PDB file of N, CA and C in Angstrom:
ATOM      1  N   MET A   1      -7.122 -10.595  68.598  1.00  0.00           N
ATOM      2  CA  MET A   1      -7.222 -11.914  69.203  1.00  0.00           C
ATOM      3  C   MET A   1      -8.196 -12.764  68.389  1.00  0.00           C
ATOM      4  N   SER A   2      -7.761 -13.935  67.957  1.00  0.00           N
ATOM      5  CA  SER A   2      -8.568 -14.814  67.121  1.00  0.00           C
ATOM      6  C   SER A   2      -9.053 -16.011  67.928  1.00  0.00           C
ATOM      7  N   THR A   3     -10.316 -16.348  67.758  1.00  0.00           N
ATOM      8  CA  THR A   3     -10.890 -17.505  68.429  1.00  0.00           C
ATOM      9  C   THR A   3     -11.121 -18.596  67.392  1.00  0.00           C
ATOM     10  N   ASP A   4     -10.649 -19.792  67.675  1.00  0.00           N
ATOM     11  CA  ASP A   4     -10.850 -20.910  66.760  1.00  0.00           C
ATOM     12  C   ASP A   4     -12.298 -21.375  66.849  1.00  0.00           C
ATOM     13  N   MET A   5     -12.931 -21.472  65.694  1.00  0.00           N
ATOM     14  CA  MET A   5     -14.307 -21.932  65.627  1.00  0.00           C
ATOM     15  C   MET A   5     -14.305 -23.408  65.229  1.00  0.00           C
ATOM     16  N   THR A   6     -15.284 -24.152  65.727  1.00  0.00           N
ATOM     17  CA  THR A   6     -15.410 -25.583  65.462  1.00  0.00           C
ATOM     18  C   THR A   6     -16.785 -25.858  64.885  1.00  0.00           C
ATOM     19  N   ASN A   7     -16.858 -26.803  63.953  1.00  0.00           N
ATOM     20  CA  ASN A   7     -18.135 -27.280  63.419  1.00  0.00           C
ATOM     21  C   ASN A   7     -18.614 -28.424  64.298  1.00  0.00           C
ATOM     22  N   TRP A   8     -19.836 -28.300  64.822  1.00  0.00           N
ATOM     23  CA  TRP A   8     -20.410 -29.305  65.706  1.00  0.00           C
ATOM     24  C   TRP A   8     -21.636 -29.935  65.057  1.00  0.00           C
ATOM     25  N   VAL A   9     -21.813 -31.250  65.230  1.00  0.00           N
ATOM     26  CA  VAL A   9     -23.006 -31.957  64.775  1.00  0.00           C
ATOM     27  C   VAL A   9     -23.545 -32.790  65.930  1.00  0.00           C
ATOM     28  N   TRP A  10     -24.846 -32.997  65.939  1.00  0.00           N
ATOM     29  CA  TRP A  10     -25.517 -33.732  67.007  1.00  0.00           C
ATOM     30  C   TRP A  10     -25.681 -35.192  66.602  1.00  0.00           C
ATOM     31  N   CYS A  11     -25.200 -36.114  67.433  1.00  0.00           N
ATOM     32  CA  CYS A  11     -25.394 -37.552  67.216  1.00  0.00           C
ATOM     33  C   CYS A  11     -26.669 -37.967  67.943  1.00  0.00           C
ATOM     34  N   GLU A  12     -27.664 -38.415  67.190  1.00  0.00           N
ATOM     35  CA  GLU A  12     -28.953 -38.823  67.757  1.00  0.00           C
ATOM     36  C   GLU A  12     -28.836 -40.092  68.594  1.00  0.00           C
ATOM     37  N   ASP A  13     -27.814 -40.892  68.349  1.00  0.00           N
ATOM     38  CA  ASP A  13     -27.655 -42.152  69.084  1.00  0.00           C
ATOM     39  C   ASP A  13     -26.867 -41.974  70.381  1.00  0.00           C
ATOM     40  N   CYS A  14     -25.796 -41.181  70.343  1.00  0.00           N
ATOM     41  CA  CYS A  14     -25.001 -40.904  71.548  1.00  0.00           C
ATOM     42  C   CYS A  14     -25.647 -39.814  72.413  1.00  0.00           C
ATOM     43  N   LEU A  15     -26.554 -39.038  71.802  1.00  0.00           N
ATOM     44  CA  LEU A  15     -27.175 -37.884  72.456  1.00  0.00           C
ATOM     45  C   LEU A  15     -26.111 -36.904  72.948  1.00  0.00           C
ATOM     46  N   ASP A  16     -25.187 -36.565  72.016  1.00  0.00           N
ATOM     47  CA  ASP A  16     -24.090 -35.671  72.360  1.00  0.00           C
ATOM     48  C   ASP A  16     -23.626 -34.927  71.111  1.00  0.00           C
ATOM     49  N   TRP A  17     -23.064 -33.739  71.326  1.00  0.00           N
ATOM     50  CA  TRP A  17     -22.465 -32.959  70.254  1.00  0.00           C
ATOM     51  C   TRP A  17     -21.106 -33.534  69.926  1.00  0.00           C
ATOM     52  N   LYS A  18     -20.800 -33.643  68.632  1.00  0.00           N
ATOM     53  CA  LYS A  18     -19.526 -34.178  68.164  1.00  0.00           C
ATOM     54  C   LYS A  18     -18.805 -33.137  67.321  1.00  0.00           C
ATOM     55  N   ASP A  19     -17.493 -33.058  67.484  1.00  0.00           N
ATOM     56  CA  ASP A  19     -16.649 -32.202  66.658  1.00  0.00           C
ATOM     57  C   ASP A  19     -16.637 -32.802  65.251  1.00  0.00           C
ATOM     58  N   ALA A  20     -17.198 -32.066  64.288  1.00  0.00           N
ATOM     59  CA  ALA A  20     -17.347 -32.592  62.929  1.00  0.00           C
ATOM     60  C   ALA A  20     -16.007 -32.875  62.252  1.00  0.00           C
ATOM     61  N   GLY A  21     -14.928 -32.282  62.743  1.00  0.00           N
ATOM     62  CA  GLY A  21     -13.616 -32.506  62.150  1.00  0.00           C
ATOM     63  C   GLY A  21     -12.818 -33.613  62.792  1.00  0.00           C
ATOM     64  N   ASN A  22     -13.203 -34.020  64.014  1.00  0.00           N
ATOM     65  CA  ASN A  22     -12.381 -34.984  64.757  1.00  0.00           C
ATOM     66  C   ASN A  22     -13.125 -36.191  65.314  1.00  0.00           C
ATOM     67  N   GLU A  23     -14.451 -36.116  65.457  1.00  0.00           N
ATOM     68  CA  GLU A  23     -15.172 -37.197  66.128  1.00  0.00           C
ATOM     69  C   GLU A  23     -16.176 -37.926  65.237  1.00  0.00           C
ATOM     70  N   VAL A  24     -16.226 -37.561  63.962  1.00  0.00           N
ATOM     71  CA  VAL A  24     -17.141 -38.208  63.029  1.00  0.00           C
ATOM     72  C   VAL A  24     -16.444 -38.395  61.686  1.00  0.00           C
ATOM     73  N   SER A  25     -16.992 -39.283  60.869  1.00  0.00           N
ATOM     74  CA  SER A  25     -16.501 -39.493  59.513  1.00  0.00           C
ATOM     75  C   SER A  25     -17.519 -38.917  58.537  1.00  0.00           C
ATOM     76  N   PHE A  26     -17.057 -38.006  57.697  1.00  0.00           N
ATOM     77  CA  PHE A  26     -17.898 -37.320  56.731  1.00  0.00           C
ATOM     78  C   PHE A  26     -18.460 -38.296  55.701  1.00  0.00           C
ATOM     79  N   VAL A  27     -19.776 -38.171  55.410  1.00  0.00           N
ATOM     80  CA  VAL A  27     -20.420 -38.962  54.363  1.00  0.00           C
ATOM     81  C   VAL A  27     -20.901 -38.040  53.246  1.00  0.00           C
ATOM     82  N   ASN A  28     -21.653 -36.971  53.607  1.00  0.00           N
ATOM     83  CA  ASN A  28     -22.241 -36.090  52.605  1.00  0.00           C
ATOM     84  C   ASN A  28     -22.615 -34.758  53.242  1.00  0.00           C
ATOM     85  N   ILE A  29     -22.743 -33.735  52.419  1.00  0.00           N
ATOM     86  CA  ILE A  29     -23.248 -32.451  52.900  1.00  0.00           C
ATOM     87  C   ILE A  29     -24.216 -31.910  51.847  1.00  0.00           C
ATOM     88  N   GLU A  30     -25.302 -31.316  52.317  1.00  0.00           N
ATOM     89  CA  GLU A  30     -26.311 -30.718  51.445  1.00  0.00           C
ATOM     90  C   GLU A  30     -26.936 -29.560  52.194  1.00  0.00           C
ATOM     91  N   GLU A  31     -27.879 -28.881  51.573  1.00  0.00           N
ATOM     92  CA  GLU A  31     -28.584 -27.782  52.234  1.00  0.00           C
ATOM     93  C   GLU A  31     -29.976 -28.242  52.638  1.00  0.00           C
ATOM     94  N   ASP A  32     -30.424 -27.783  53.819  1.00  0.00           N
ATOM     95  CA  ASP A  32     -31.799 -28.055  54.202  1.00  0.00           C
ATOM     96  C   ASP A  32     -32.720 -27.060  53.497  1.00  0.00           C
ATOM     97  N   SER A  33     -34.009 -27.084  53.779  1.00  0.00           N
ATOM     98  CA  SER A  33     -34.975 -26.218  53.094  1.00  0.00           C
ATOM     99  C   SER A  33     -34.778 -24.739  53.422  1.00  0.00           C
ATOM    100  N   PHE A  34     -33.975 -24.425  54.448  1.00  0.00           N
ATOM    101  CA  PHE A  34     -33.690 -23.043  54.837  1.00  0.00           C
ATOM    102  C   PHE A  34     -32.321 -22.570  54.352  1.00  0.00           C
ATOM    103  N   GLY A  35     -31.589 -23.429  53.628  1.00  0.00           N
ATOM    104  CA  GLY A  35     -30.282 -23.071  53.105  1.00  0.00           C
ATOM    105  C   GLY A  35     -29.138 -23.298  54.070  1.00  0.00           C
ATOM    106  N   LYS A  36     -29.409 -23.962  55.192  1.00  0.00           N
ATOM    107  CA  LYS A  36     -28.350 -24.266  56.162  1.00  0.00           C
ATOM    108  C   LYS A  36     -27.698 -25.601  55.810  1.00  0.00           C
ATOM    109  N   ASP A  37     -26.398 -25.733  56.158  1.00  0.00           N
ATOM    110  CA  ASP A  37     -25.669 -26.968  55.878  1.00  0.00           C
ATOM    111  C   ASP A  37     -26.225 -28.127  56.692  1.00  0.00           C
ATOM    112  N   LEU A  38     -26.475 -29.234  56.007  1.00  0.00           N
ATOM    113  CA  LEU A  38     -26.984 -30.460  56.619  1.00  0.00           C
ATOM    114  C   LEU A  38     -25.964 -31.553  56.318  1.00  0.00           C
ATOM    115  N   MET A  39     -25.325 -32.061  57.355  1.00  0.00           N
ATOM    116  CA  MET A  39     -24.235 -33.017  57.173  1.00  0.00           C
ATOM    117  C   MET A  39     -24.668 -34.428  57.534  1.00  0.00           C
ATOM    118  N   THR A  40     -24.362 -35.368  56.648  1.00  0.00           N
ATOM    119  CA  THR A  40     -24.530 -36.784  56.929  1.00  0.00           C
ATOM    120  C   THR A  40     -23.160 -37.296  57.358  1.00  0.00           C
ATOM    121  N   PHE A  41     -23.129 -38.036  58.471  1.00  0.00           N
ATOM    122  CA  PHE A  41     -21.852 -38.489  59.027  1.00  0.00           C
ATOM    123  C   PHE A  41     -22.010 -39.810  59.752  1.00  0.00           C
ATOM    124  N   LEU A  42     -20.887 -40.488  59.948  1.00  0.00           N
ATOM    125  CA  LEU A  42     -20.824 -41.676  60.791  1.00  0.00           C
ATOM    126  C   LEU A  42     -20.134 -41.278  62.084  1.00  0.00           C
ATOM    127  N   CYS A  43     -20.775 -41.520  63.202  1.00  0.00           N
ATOM    128  CA  CYS A  43     -20.192 -41.207  64.503  1.00  0.00           C
ATOM    129  C   CYS A  43     -19.068 -42.193  64.788  1.00  0.00           C
ATOM    130  N   ASP A  44     -17.909 -41.679  65.166  1.00  0.00           N
ATOM    131  CA  ASP A  44     -16.766 -42.543  65.476  1.00  0.00           C
ATOM    132  C   ASP A  44     -16.990 -43.371  66.738  1.00  0.00           C
ATOM    133  N   LYS A  45     -17.866 -42.915  67.644  1.00  0.00           N
ATOM    134  CA  LYS A  45     -18.094 -43.626  68.902  1.00  0.00           C
ATOM    135  C   LYS A  45     -19.101 -44.764  68.738  1.00  0.00           C
ATOM    136  N   CYS A  46     -20.307 -44.448  68.227  1.00  0.00           N
ATOM    137  CA  CYS A  46     -21.353 -45.468  68.134  1.00  0.00           C
ATOM    138  C   CYS A  46     -21.433 -46.120  66.749  1.00  0.00           C
ATOM    139  N   GLU A  47     -20.718 -45.559  65.773  1.00  0.00           N
ATOM    140  CA  GLU A  47     -20.644 -46.068  64.410  1.00  0.00           C
ATOM    141  C   GLU A  47     -21.990 -46.042  63.679  1.00  0.00           C
ATOM    142  N   LYS A  48     -22.915 -45.182  64.118  1.00  0.00           N
ATOM    143  CA  LYS A  48     -24.222 -45.033  63.473  1.00  0.00           C
ATOM    144  C   LYS A  48     -24.189 -43.839  62.529  1.00  0.00           C
ATOM    145  N   GLU A  49     -24.985 -43.903  61.459  1.00  0.00           N
ATOM    146  CA  GLU A  49     -25.089 -42.787  60.520  1.00  0.00           C
ATOM    147  C   GLU A  49     -26.164 -41.814  60.999  1.00  0.00           C
ATOM    148  N   ASN A  50     -25.855 -40.527  60.945  1.00  0.00           N
ATOM    149  CA  ASN A  50     -26.771 -39.463  61.344  1.00  0.00           C
ATOM    150  C   ASN A  50     -26.754 -38.372  60.295  1.00  0.00           C
ATOM    151  N   LYS A  51     -27.792 -37.536  60.314  1.00  0.00           N
ATOM    152  CA  LYS A  51     -27.870 -36.368  59.436  1.00  0.00           C
ATOM    153  C   LYS A  51     -28.420 -35.217  60.267  1.00  0.00           C
ATOM    154  N   ASN A  52     -27.616 -34.169  60.440  1.00  0.00           N
ATOM    155  CA  ASN A  52     -28.026 -33.019  61.242  1.00  0.00           C
ATOM    156  C   ASN A  52     -27.385 -31.744  60.742  1.00  0.00           C
ATOM    157  N   ASN A  53     -27.974 -30.621  61.148  1.00  0.00           N
ATOM    158  CA  ASN A  53     -27.409 -29.315  60.822  1.00  0.00           C
ATOM    159  C   ASN A  53     -26.079 -29.125  61.535  1.00  0.00           C
ATOM    160  N   ILE A  54     -25.216 -28.321  60.941  1.00  0.00           N
ATOM    161  CA  ILE A  54     -23.917 -27.997  61.518  1.00  0.00           C
ATOM    162  C   ILE A  54     -24.049 -26.716  62.335  1.00  0.00           C
ATOM    163  N   ILE A  55     -23.525 -26.732  63.553  1.00  0.00           N
ATOM    164  CA  ILE A  55     -23.462 -25.559  64.417  1.00  0.00           C
ATOM    165  C   ILE A  55     -21.998 -25.129  64.479  1.00  0.00           C
ATOM    166  N   ILE A  56     -21.731 -23.861  64.213  1.00  0.00           N
ATOM    167  CA  ILE A  56     -20.359 -23.341  64.283  1.00  0.00           C
ATOM    168  C   ILE A  56     -20.223 -22.523  65.556  1.00  0.00           C
ATOM    169  N   SER A  57     -19.288 -22.942  66.424  1.00  0.00           N
ATOM    170  CA  SER A  57     -19.117 -22.294  67.727  1.00  0.00           C
ATOM    171  C   SER A  57     -17.686 -22.462  68.198  1.00  0.00           C
ATOM    172  N   ASP A  58     -17.247 -21.557  69.088  1.00  0.00           N
ATOM    173  CA  ASP A  58     -15.901 -21.674  69.653  1.00  0.00           C
ATOM    174  C   ASP A  58     -15.845 -22.672  70.806  1.00  0.00           C
ATOM    175  N   LYS A  59     -17.014 -23.150  71.256  1.00  0.00           N
ATOM    176  CA  LYS A  59     -17.041 -24.178  72.313  1.00  0.00           C
ATOM    177  C   LYS A  59     -18.195 -25.128  72.054  1.00  0.00           C
ATOM    178  N   LYS A  60     -18.119 -26.290  72.693  1.00  0.00           N
ATOM    179  CA  LYS A  60     -19.131 -27.322  72.509  1.00  0.00           C
ATOM    180  C   LYS A  60     -20.500 -26.822  72.978  1.00  0.00           C
ATOM    181  N   PRO A  61     -21.544 -26.974  72.132  1.00  0.00           N
ATOM    182  CA  PRO A  61     -22.887 -26.568  72.574  1.00  0.00           C
ATOM    183  C   PRO A  61     -23.319 -27.350  73.810  1.00  0.00           C
ATOM    184  N   ARG A  62     -24.167 -26.736  74.596  1.00  0.00           N
ATOM    185  CA  ARG A  62     -24.633 -27.390  75.827  1.00  0.00           C
ATOM    186  C   ARG A  62     -25.774 -28.345  75.527  1.00  0.00           C
ATOM    187  N   CYS A  63     -25.825 -29.417  76.281  1.00  0.00           N
ATOM    188  CA  CYS A  63     -26.926 -30.378  76.202  1.00  0.00           C
ATOM    189  C   CYS A  63     -27.840 -30.124  77.398  1.00  0.00           C
ATOM    190  N   GLU A  64     -29.071 -29.802  77.124  1.00  0.00           N
ATOM    191  CA  GLU A  64     -30.003 -29.565  78.228  1.00  0.00           C
ATOM    192  C   GLU A  64     -31.252 -30.343  78.062  1.00  0.00           C
TER     193      GLU A  64
END
């Protein structure tokens, strides 16, 4: 049984997790100081540019 994994990024303006493949427009990707992927993107909802680490999960991360 295979579970589809999704790349999630946090929008600092919407205060919500966004599907990196469907809810944002890719601008750039680089590594942070720990070697993790750091994605720059434009949020499709608020149209603001953000830069955050990518979280890979089979479901949307929780906001608490």
